[in-house]
Amino acid sequence: MPERPIRLFGDPVLKTVSAPVEQVDDRVRALVADLIDSVRLPGRAGVAASQIGVNLRAFSYNIDGEVGYVLNPELVEVSGEKEAIDEGCLSVPGLWKKTPRYPFARVRGIDLDGNEIEVSGTGLMAQALQHETDHLDGLLYLDRLENDERRSAMKEIRESDWF
């Protein structure tokens, strides 16, 4: 399967809460293949289904050479003090902002066989797990910014070539 085009800020699918995967069928298997192909491109840590225009709870990740996916992910644990970490998003190209994230995160979901899986980590993995589950809840990292920082980001977006 080919990588899929990434939906950009302003696309309504990015602000929509994703529906759970009710049944693993050929459509869901094709979605996972597309998510994996889409996240393997250089510079990508994660891709949520909503970012490729599919309103289902699924994402892929590519952290330190570990590539995987989670269906119906739920953020079940975060710990530590929130830290402001440089964060960007494929759906908001070229914009990086200090975003408050927990240093540890764990998600629980299922795989293509319906088996329960957990993915957890610190650093970039923790950030990606929080970022991608936010996407599935209709949130962008911009929604996590303080008011002044968010206003500044919105101005940069309005002035960008892609918006």
N, C-alpha and C. Protein backbone atom coordinates (compact mmCIF):
# COMPACT_ATOMS: atom_id res chain seq x y z
N MET A 1 0.84 -1.18 0.00
CA MET A 1 0.00 0.00 0.00
C MET A 1 0.89 1.25 0.00
N PRO A 2 0.46 2.29 -0.64
CA PRO A 2 1.27 3.52 -0.67
C PRO A 2 1.01 4.38 0.56
N GLU A 3 1.98 5.29 0.80
CA GLU A 3 1.71 6.26 1.85
C GLU A 3 0.61 7.17 1.36
N ARG A 4 -0.15 7.71 2.29
CA ARG A 4 -1.30 8.53 1.94
C ARG A 4 -0.99 9.99 2.21
N PRO A 5 -1.60 10.91 1.45
CA PRO A 5 -1.39 12.35 1.70
C PRO A 5 -1.88 12.72 3.10
N ILE A 6 -1.16 13.64 3.71
CA ILE A 6 -1.49 14.10 5.06
C ILE A 6 -2.46 15.28 4.97
N ARG A 7 -3.55 15.21 5.73
CA ARG A 7 -4.51 16.31 5.80
C ARG A 7 -3.90 17.44 6.61
N LEU A 8 -4.15 18.66 6.18
CA LEU A 8 -3.54 19.84 6.81
C LEU A 8 -4.53 20.59 7.70
N PHE A 9 -3.96 21.36 8.62
CA PHE A 9 -4.73 22.20 9.53
C PHE A 9 -5.84 22.90 8.74
N GLY A 10 -7.04 22.90 9.30
CA GLY A 10 -8.20 23.48 8.63
C GLY A 10 -9.14 22.41 8.09
N ASP A 11 -8.62 21.20 7.86
CA ASP A 11 -9.46 20.09 7.39
C ASP A 11 -10.32 19.63 8.57
N PRO A 12 -11.63 19.57 8.41
CA PRO A 12 -12.52 19.22 9.52
C PRO A 12 -12.24 17.85 10.14
N VAL A 13 -11.70 16.90 9.39
CA VAL A 13 -11.44 15.57 9.94
C VAL A 13 -10.45 15.64 11.10
N LEU A 14 -9.58 16.65 11.11
CA LEU A 14 -8.59 16.78 12.18
C LEU A 14 -9.20 17.24 13.50
N LYS A 15 -10.40 17.80 13.45
CA LYS A 15 -11.07 18.27 14.67
C LYS A 15 -12.24 17.36 15.05
N THR A 16 -12.32 16.20 14.43
CA THR A 16 -13.41 15.26 14.67
C THR A 16 -12.91 14.13 15.56
N VAL A 17 -13.70 13.77 16.56
CA VAL A 17 -13.36 12.63 17.41
C VAL A 17 -13.53 11.36 16.57
N SER A 18 -12.50 10.54 16.55
CA SER A 18 -12.51 9.33 15.72
C SER A 18 -13.36 8.23 16.33
N ALA A 19 -14.03 7.49 15.47
CA ALA A 19 -14.88 6.38 15.89
C ALA A 19 -14.02 5.15 16.19
N PRO A 20 -14.44 4.33 17.14
CA PRO A 20 -13.69 3.10 17.41
C PRO A 20 -13.77 2.12 16.24
N VAL A 21 -12.73 1.31 16.12
CA VAL A 21 -12.74 0.22 15.16
C VAL A 21 -13.67 -0.85 15.74
N GLU A 22 -14.77 -1.12 15.08
CA GLU A 22 -15.75 -2.09 15.58
C GLU A 22 -15.41 -3.51 15.15
N GLN A 23 -14.84 -3.63 13.94
CA GLN A 23 -14.56 -4.95 13.39
C GLN A 23 -13.30 -4.85 12.55
N VAL A 24 -12.38 -5.78 12.76
CA VAL A 24 -11.17 -5.82 11.93
C VAL A 24 -11.52 -6.59 10.66
N ASP A 25 -11.53 -5.84 9.56
CA ASP A 25 -11.84 -6.43 8.26
C ASP A 25 -10.77 -6.00 7.27
N ASP A 26 -10.98 -6.29 6.00
CA ASP A 26 -9.99 -5.93 4.98
C ASP A 26 -9.75 -4.43 4.91
N ARG A 27 -10.79 -3.65 5.16
CA ARG A 27 -10.65 -2.19 5.14
C ARG A 27 -9.71 -1.73 6.26
N VAL A 28 -9.85 -2.29 7.43
CA VAL A 28 -9.00 -1.91 8.57
C VAL A 28 -7.57 -2.42 8.33
N ARG A 29 -7.43 -3.63 7.79
CA ARG A 29 -6.08 -4.13 7.48
C ARG A 29 -5.39 -3.23 6.46
N ALA A 30 -6.13 -2.76 5.46
CA ALA A 30 -5.56 -1.84 4.45
C ALA A 30 -5.20 -0.50 5.10
N LEU A 31 -6.03 -0.04 6.03
CA LEU A 31 -5.73 1.20 6.74
C LEU A 31 -4.42 1.07 7.51
N VAL A 32 -4.24 -0.03 8.24
CA VAL A 32 -3.01 -0.24 9.00
C VAL A 32 -1.81 -0.28 8.06
N ALA A 33 -1.93 -0.95 6.93
CA ALA A 33 -0.82 -0.99 5.95
C ALA A 33 -0.50 0.43 5.47
N ASP A 34 -1.52 1.23 5.20
CA ASP A 34 -1.30 2.62 4.76
C ASP A 34 -0.65 3.44 5.87
N LEU A 35 -1.09 3.25 7.12
CA LEU A 35 -0.51 3.98 8.24
C LEU A 35 0.97 3.63 8.42
N ILE A 36 1.29 2.35 8.29
CA ILE A 36 2.69 1.92 8.42
C ILE A 36 3.52 2.50 7.28
N ASP A 37 3.02 2.42 6.05
CA ASP A 37 3.75 2.99 4.91
C ASP A 37 3.92 4.50 5.07
N SER A 38 2.90 5.16 5.60
CA SER A 38 2.94 6.61 5.75
C SER A 38 3.91 7.05 6.84
N VAL A 39 4.08 6.25 7.90
CA VAL A 39 4.96 6.64 9.00
C VAL A 39 6.42 6.30 8.73
N ARG A 40 6.68 5.45 7.75
CA ARG A 40 8.06 5.05 7.45
C ARG A 40 8.86 6.14 6.74
N LEU A 41 8.19 7.17 6.25
CA LEU A 41 8.90 8.24 5.55
C LEU A 41 9.80 8.99 6.53
N PRO A 42 10.92 9.50 6.08
CA PRO A 42 11.86 10.19 6.97
C PRO A 42 11.20 11.35 7.73
N GLY A 43 11.57 11.48 8.99
CA GLY A 43 11.09 12.59 9.81
C GLY A 43 9.73 12.40 10.42
N ARG A 44 9.18 11.19 10.31
CA ARG A 44 7.84 10.95 10.85
C ARG A 44 7.92 10.04 12.07
N ALA A 45 7.32 10.51 13.18
CA ALA A 45 7.30 9.72 14.42
C ALA A 45 5.95 9.03 14.59
N GLY A 46 4.90 9.58 14.00
CA GLY A 46 3.58 8.98 14.13
C GLY A 46 2.62 9.55 13.10
N VAL A 47 1.62 8.74 12.75
CA VAL A 47 0.56 9.17 11.84
C VAL A 47 -0.75 8.60 12.38
N ALA A 48 -1.70 9.48 12.62
CA ALA A 48 -3.04 9.07 13.06
C ALA A 48 -3.93 8.89 11.83
N ALA A 49 -4.89 7.97 11.93
CA ALA A 49 -5.80 7.71 10.81
C ALA A 49 -6.49 9.00 10.35
N SER A 50 -6.85 9.87 11.28
CA SER A 50 -7.51 11.12 10.89
C SER A 50 -6.61 11.97 9.99
N GLN A 51 -5.30 11.86 10.17
CA GLN A 51 -4.38 12.65 9.34
C GLN A 51 -4.36 12.18 7.89
N ILE A 52 -4.84 10.97 7.64
CA ILE A 52 -4.93 10.51 6.25
C ILE A 52 -6.40 10.40 5.83
N GLY A 53 -7.26 11.11 6.59
CA GLY A 53 -8.66 11.27 6.19
C GLY A 53 -9.59 10.15 6.60
N VAL A 54 -9.17 9.28 7.54
CA VAL A 54 -10.00 8.16 7.97
C VAL A 54 -10.41 8.40 9.43
N ASN A 55 -11.71 8.42 9.67
CA ASN A 55 -12.23 8.74 11.00
C ASN A 55 -12.37 7.47 11.86
N LEU A 56 -11.23 6.79 12.06
CA LEU A 56 -11.20 5.60 12.93
C LEU A 56 -10.06 5.74 13.93
N ARG A 57 -10.24 5.15 15.11
CA ARG A 57 -9.22 5.20 16.16
C ARG A 57 -8.09 4.24 15.82
N ALA A 58 -7.06 4.76 15.17
CA ALA A 58 -5.87 3.98 14.82
C ALA A 58 -4.73 4.94 14.57
N PHE A 59 -3.53 4.52 14.95
CA PHE A 59 -2.34 5.28 14.59
C PHE A 59 -1.15 4.36 14.43
N SER A 60 -0.15 4.86 13.75
CA SER A 60 1.12 4.16 13.61
C SER A 60 2.20 5.01 14.24
N TYR A 61 3.32 4.36 14.57
CA TYR A 61 4.45 5.09 15.15
C TYR A 61 5.75 4.54 14.59
N ASN A 62 6.77 5.39 14.62
CA ASN A 62 8.10 5.04 14.13
C ASN A 62 9.10 5.78 15.03
N ILE A 63 9.49 5.12 16.11
CA ILE A 63 10.35 5.74 17.11
C ILE A 63 11.62 4.90 17.26
N ASP A 64 12.75 5.51 16.99
CA ASP A 64 14.05 4.83 17.15
C ASP A 64 14.07 3.47 16.45
N GLY A 65 13.50 3.43 15.24
CA GLY A 65 13.50 2.20 14.46
C GLY A 65 12.40 1.22 14.81
N GLU A 66 11.63 1.50 15.85
CA GLU A 66 10.49 0.65 16.21
C GLU A 66 9.24 1.17 15.51
N VAL A 67 8.72 0.36 14.59
CA VAL A 67 7.54 0.73 13.82
C VAL A 67 6.39 -0.16 14.26
N GLY A 68 5.24 0.45 14.52
CA GLY A 68 4.08 -0.33 14.92
C GLY A 68 2.80 0.46 14.77
N TYR A 69 1.73 -0.10 15.27
CA TYR A 69 0.42 0.53 15.18
C TYR A 69 -0.41 0.11 16.39
N VAL A 70 -1.46 0.85 16.65
CA VAL A 70 -2.42 0.50 17.70
C VAL A 70 -3.81 0.85 17.17
N LEU A 71 -4.72 -0.10 17.31
CA LEU A 71 -6.14 0.15 17.01
C LEU A 71 -6.85 0.43 18.33
N ASN A 72 -7.80 1.34 18.29
CA ASN A 72 -8.58 1.74 19.47
C ASN A 72 -7.68 2.12 20.65
N PRO A 73 -6.64 2.92 20.40
CA PRO A 73 -5.76 3.28 21.50
C PRO A 73 -6.44 4.21 22.50
N GLU A 74 -6.16 3.95 23.75
CA GLU A 74 -6.60 4.82 24.84
C GLU A 74 -5.38 5.13 25.67
N LEU A 75 -5.19 6.38 25.99
CA LEU A 75 -4.10 6.79 26.86
C LEU A 75 -4.49 6.38 28.28
N VAL A 76 -3.81 5.37 28.83
CA VAL A 76 -4.21 4.82 30.12
C VAL A 76 -3.32 5.26 31.27
N GLU A 77 -2.14 5.81 30.95
CA GLU A 77 -1.25 6.25 32.02
C GLU A 77 -0.29 7.31 31.50
N VAL A 78 -0.12 8.34 32.28
CA VAL A 78 0.94 9.34 32.07
C VAL A 78 1.54 9.58 33.44
N SER A 79 2.82 9.94 33.46
CA SER A 79 3.42 10.23 34.75
C SER A 79 4.57 11.20 34.59
N GLY A 80 4.97 11.75 35.74
CA GLY A 80 6.01 12.76 35.78
C GLY A 80 5.41 14.15 35.70
N GLU A 81 6.26 15.13 35.80
CA GLU A 81 5.84 16.52 35.66
C GLU A 81 5.82 16.88 34.18
N LYS A 82 4.78 17.56 33.74
CA LYS A 82 4.74 18.01 32.34
C LYS A 82 5.96 18.86 32.04
N GLU A 83 6.49 18.67 30.83
CA GLU A 83 7.64 19.43 30.36
C GLU A 83 7.28 20.08 29.03
N ALA A 84 7.79 21.27 28.79
CA ALA A 84 7.58 21.94 27.50
C ALA A 84 8.62 21.38 26.52
N ILE A 85 8.13 20.65 25.51
CA ILE A 85 8.99 19.96 24.56
C ILE A 85 8.71 20.51 23.16
N ASP A 86 9.76 20.74 22.36
CA ASP A 86 9.55 21.15 20.98
C ASP A 86 8.70 20.09 20.28
N GLU A 87 7.63 20.54 19.67
CA GLU A 87 6.72 19.61 19.00
C GLU A 87 6.26 20.21 17.70
N GLY A 88 6.15 19.35 16.71
CA GLY A 88 5.62 19.73 15.41
C GLY A 88 4.55 18.72 15.02
N CYS A 89 3.99 18.90 13.84
CA CYS A 89 2.92 18.02 13.38
C CYS A 89 2.92 18.02 11.86
N LEU A 90 2.76 16.85 11.28
CA LEU A 90 2.69 16.75 9.82
C LEU A 90 1.52 17.56 9.26
N SER A 91 0.48 17.73 10.06
CA SER A 91 -0.70 18.47 9.62
C SER A 91 -0.55 19.99 9.78
N VAL A 92 0.57 20.41 10.38
CA VAL A 92 0.88 21.83 10.56
C VAL A 92 2.35 22.00 10.14
N PRO A 93 2.63 21.87 8.85
CA PRO A 93 4.02 21.81 8.40
C PRO A 93 4.84 23.06 8.73
N GLY A 94 6.08 22.79 9.15
CA GLY A 94 7.03 23.87 9.36
C GLY A 94 6.90 24.62 10.67
N LEU A 95 5.98 24.22 11.52
CA LEU A 95 5.75 24.95 12.77
C LEU A 95 6.11 24.05 13.95
N TRP A 96 7.01 24.53 14.79
CA TRP A 96 7.43 23.82 16.00
C TRP A 96 7.20 24.73 17.19
N LYS A 97 6.55 24.20 18.22
CA LYS A 97 6.25 24.99 19.41
C LYS A 97 6.50 24.14 20.66
N LYS A 98 6.89 24.82 21.74
CA LYS A 98 7.05 24.17 23.04
C LYS A 98 5.67 23.75 23.53
N THR A 99 5.48 22.44 23.68
CA THR A 99 4.18 21.89 24.03
C THR A 99 4.30 21.11 25.34
N PRO A 100 3.41 21.34 26.29
CA PRO A 100 3.50 20.60 27.55
C PRO A 100 3.10 19.13 27.37
N ARG A 101 4.02 18.23 27.72
CA ARG A 101 3.77 16.79 27.61
C ARG A 101 4.37 16.08 28.83
N TYR A 102 3.75 14.99 29.21
CA TYR A 102 4.28 14.17 30.28
C TYR A 102 5.48 13.38 29.77
N PRO A 103 6.48 13.12 30.64
CA PRO A 103 7.67 12.40 30.19
C PRO A 103 7.47 10.89 30.02
N PHE A 104 6.35 10.34 30.53
CA PHE A 104 6.04 8.93 30.35
C PHE A 104 4.58 8.80 29.94
N ALA A 105 4.32 7.89 29.00
CA ALA A 105 2.94 7.63 28.58
C ALA A 105 2.78 6.15 28.22
N ARG A 106 1.55 5.66 28.42
CA ARG A 106 1.21 4.29 28.05
C ARG A 106 -0.16 4.31 27.37
N VAL A 107 -0.25 3.63 26.24
CA VAL A 107 -1.55 3.44 25.58
C VAL A 107 -1.87 1.95 25.55
N ARG A 108 -3.15 1.68 25.56
CA ARG A 108 -3.65 0.31 25.45
C ARG A 108 -4.64 0.28 24.31
N GLY A 109 -4.57 -0.77 23.51
CA GLY A 109 -5.49 -0.94 22.39
C GLY A 109 -5.47 -2.38 21.95
N ILE A 110 -5.74 -2.60 20.66
CA ILE A 110 -5.73 -3.95 20.10
C ILE A 110 -4.91 -3.97 18.83
N ASP A 111 -4.54 -5.20 18.43
CA ASP A 111 -3.85 -5.39 17.15
C ASP A 111 -4.86 -5.92 16.13
N LEU A 112 -4.37 -6.27 14.96
CA LEU A 112 -5.26 -6.74 13.89
C LEU A 112 -5.94 -8.07 14.20
N ASP A 113 -5.40 -8.81 15.17
CA ASP A 113 -6.02 -10.08 15.57
C ASP A 113 -6.98 -9.91 16.73
N GLY A 114 -7.16 -8.66 17.19
CA GLY A 114 -8.06 -8.40 18.31
C GLY A 114 -7.42 -8.60 19.66
N ASN A 115 -6.10 -8.89 19.69
CA ASN A 115 -5.40 -9.07 20.95
C ASN A 115 -5.11 -7.73 21.58
N GLU A 116 -5.23 -7.65 22.92
CA GLU A 116 -4.90 -6.42 23.63
C GLU A 116 -3.39 -6.20 23.57
N ILE A 117 -3.01 -4.95 23.29
CA ILE A 117 -1.60 -4.59 23.28
C ILE A 117 -1.41 -3.31 24.07
N GLU A 118 -0.19 -3.13 24.56
CA GLU A 118 0.19 -1.89 25.23
C GLU A 118 1.48 -1.40 24.61
N VAL A 119 1.56 -0.10 24.48
CA VAL A 119 2.79 0.55 24.03
C VAL A 119 3.07 1.66 25.03
N SER A 120 4.30 1.71 25.52
CA SER A 120 4.64 2.75 26.48
C SER A 120 6.07 3.20 26.24
N GLY A 121 6.39 4.34 26.81
CA GLY A 121 7.75 4.81 26.70
C GLY A 121 7.94 6.19 27.27
N THR A 122 9.19 6.61 27.21
CA THR A 122 9.58 7.93 27.67
C THR A 122 10.08 8.72 26.46
N GLY A 123 10.39 9.98 26.69
CA GLY A 123 10.97 10.80 25.63
C GLY A 123 10.06 10.91 24.42
N LEU A 124 10.65 10.68 23.25
CA LEU A 124 9.91 10.83 21.99
C LEU A 124 8.72 9.86 21.91
N MET A 125 8.88 8.64 22.44
CA MET A 125 7.76 7.70 22.41
C MET A 125 6.59 8.24 23.24
N ALA A 126 6.88 8.74 24.43
CA ALA A 126 5.80 9.30 25.27
C ALA A 126 5.12 10.46 24.56
N GLN A 127 5.92 11.32 23.97
CA GLN A 127 5.37 12.47 23.24
C GLN A 127 4.49 12.01 22.09
N ALA A 128 4.96 11.04 21.31
CA ALA A 128 4.20 10.55 20.16
C ALA A 128 2.89 9.90 20.60
N LEU A 129 2.92 9.12 21.66
CA LEU A 129 1.69 8.46 22.12
C LEU A 129 0.65 9.49 22.53
N GLN A 130 1.08 10.54 23.21
CA GLN A 130 0.15 11.60 23.61
C GLN A 130 -0.35 12.37 22.39
N HIS A 131 0.57 12.69 21.47
CA HIS A 131 0.24 13.46 20.27
C HIS A 131 -0.77 12.70 19.40
N GLU A 132 -0.51 11.42 19.16
CA GLU A 132 -1.39 10.65 18.27
C GLU A 132 -2.75 10.38 18.90
N THR A 133 -2.80 10.10 20.20
CA THR A 133 -4.12 9.92 20.82
C THR A 133 -4.89 11.23 20.84
N ASP A 134 -4.19 12.35 20.98
CA ASP A 134 -4.85 13.66 20.85
C ASP A 134 -5.53 13.77 19.48
N HIS A 135 -4.80 13.41 18.42
CA HIS A 135 -5.40 13.48 17.08
C HIS A 135 -6.72 12.71 17.03
N LEU A 136 -6.74 11.53 17.61
CA LEU A 136 -7.94 10.69 17.55
C LEU A 136 -9.08 11.26 18.40
N ASP A 137 -8.74 12.16 19.31
CA ASP A 137 -9.75 12.86 20.11
C ASP A 137 -10.11 14.22 19.51
N GLY A 138 -9.64 14.49 18.29
CA GLY A 138 -9.96 15.74 17.61
C GLY A 138 -9.14 16.93 18.08
N LEU A 139 -7.98 16.65 18.67
CA LEU A 139 -7.11 17.73 19.17
C LEU A 139 -5.81 17.78 18.37
N LEU A 140 -5.32 18.99 18.19
CA LEU A 140 -3.99 19.20 17.62
C LEU A 140 -3.09 19.69 18.74
N TYR A 141 -1.79 19.55 18.56
CA TYR A 141 -0.89 20.02 19.62
C TYR A 141 -1.07 21.50 19.88
N LEU A 142 -1.54 22.25 18.90
CA LEU A 142 -1.82 23.68 19.09
C LEU A 142 -2.84 23.91 20.20
N ASP A 143 -3.76 22.96 20.39
CA ASP A 143 -4.77 23.08 21.43
C ASP A 143 -4.17 22.97 22.83
N ARG A 144 -2.95 22.47 22.93
CA ARG A 144 -2.27 22.31 24.22
C ARG A 144 -1.41 23.52 24.59
N LEU A 145 -1.27 24.47 23.67
CA LEU A 145 -0.41 25.63 23.91
C LEU A 145 -1.10 26.66 24.81
N GLU A 146 -0.28 27.43 25.52
CA GLU A 146 -0.80 28.56 26.30
C GLU A 146 -1.38 29.59 25.32
N ASN A 147 -2.29 30.44 25.80
CA ASN A 147 -3.01 31.37 24.92
C ASN A 147 -2.11 32.22 24.04
N ASP A 148 -1.09 32.87 24.62
CA ASP A 148 -0.22 33.74 23.82
C ASP A 148 0.54 32.94 22.77
N GLU A 149 1.02 31.77 23.15
CA GLU A 149 1.77 30.92 22.22
C GLU A 149 0.85 30.42 21.11
N ARG A 150 -0.39 30.12 21.46
CA ARG A 150 -1.35 29.64 20.45
C ARG A 150 -1.68 30.76 19.46
N ARG A 151 -1.88 31.96 19.97
CA ARG A 151 -2.16 33.10 19.07
C ARG A 151 -0.99 33.31 18.10
N SER A 152 0.22 33.23 18.62
CA SER A 152 1.41 33.38 17.79
C SER A 152 1.46 32.28 16.72
N ALA A 153 1.16 31.05 17.12
CA ALA A 153 1.16 29.93 16.17
C ALA A 153 0.10 30.13 15.08
N MET A 154 -1.07 30.58 15.47
CA MET A 154 -2.15 30.80 14.49
C MET A 154 -1.75 31.88 13.49
N LYS A 155 -1.06 32.91 13.96
CA LYS A 155 -0.58 33.96 13.06
C LYS A 155 0.42 33.37 12.06
N GLU A 156 1.34 32.55 12.55
CA GLU A 156 2.32 31.91 11.67
C GLU A 156 1.64 31.02 10.63
N ILE A 157 0.60 30.30 11.04
CA ILE A 157 -0.14 29.44 10.12
C ILE A 157 -0.81 30.29 9.04
N ARG A 158 -1.48 31.36 9.45
CA ARG A 158 -2.17 32.22 8.48
C ARG A 158 -1.20 32.80 7.45
N GLU A 159 0.04 33.04 7.87
CA GLU A 159 1.04 33.64 6.99
C GLU A 159 1.84 32.60 6.20
N SER A 160 1.58 31.32 6.44
CA SER A 160 2.35 30.27 5.78
C SER A 160 1.91 30.09 4.31
N ASP A 161 2.80 29.50 3.53
CA ASP A 161 2.52 29.24 2.11
C ASP A 161 1.47 28.16 1.90
N TRP A 162 1.37 27.21 2.82
CA TRP A 162 0.50 26.07 2.61
C TRP A 162 -0.94 26.31 3.08
N PHE A 163 -1.17 27.35 3.90
CA PHE A 163 -2.51 27.56 4.45
C PHE A 163 -3.41 28.29 3.47
